[in-house]
Amino acid sequence: MLLAHELIGVASSPSLVLIHGITESRHTWHPLLHELAREHQVLAVDLRGHGESDDDDGYDPASYAADVIETAESLGVTDALVVGHSLGGIVATAFAVGASCRGVVNIDQPLRLSGFKEQLAAIEPMLRGDDQEFQKALDLMLPTIQQTLLKEAIPQCQALRVTPTSLGYEAALLGAASVCLEGLSKSGAGV
């Protein structure tokens, strides 16, 4: 699926693909976008179900990555350095499994997912509940995500937040056996 995106910079420059985290959109990258575009061709995408991209079936890392690959290829973006934040880090790693790239930069996302699965399992009934319960679950998770931010950055991040309306990749993660998640991270697949 083609994703909503921004492509700026000089086409003959080295390419960067920027992938946001959960509850975010490509606008997360705006503070850096124009500076990066001075010396790079920069593609920033909205993952499916985020920002201006359509919803679709399949919110697992491989489906997200396939969308980013399809979008990049349709725009002629090749041999990119793929940068992902949080969920985007997992997607960037999956991108490298599915397409050629110059490298992957994974910001703030360990590839060992079993610990995150355990955290999600504690609030799984809320995540699978009605809209109000789902929102409560997100409200419980976000303070731990924001604890690494500078205090002055929190309002900007909150303004960029897009609240998902249902489980995305978390559903696949909750359904996976912890041993499988650890095995994948050791194999280098990271998904």
Foldseek 3Di string as FASTA:
>chain_A
DAFDKDWAADPVAAEEEEEEAAQFFLVVCVVPVVVVRPRYTYIYTGFDQGDPHHHDPAQALLVRLVNSVVNCVVVVRPQHAYEYEASGQLNQLLVVVVHHHVYYHYHPYDLLCLVVLVVCVVLVVLQQDAQVSVVVVVVVPVVVVCPPPDPVCVVVVVVRGHDGRHDGNSVVSNPDDSVVSVVCVVVSSSD
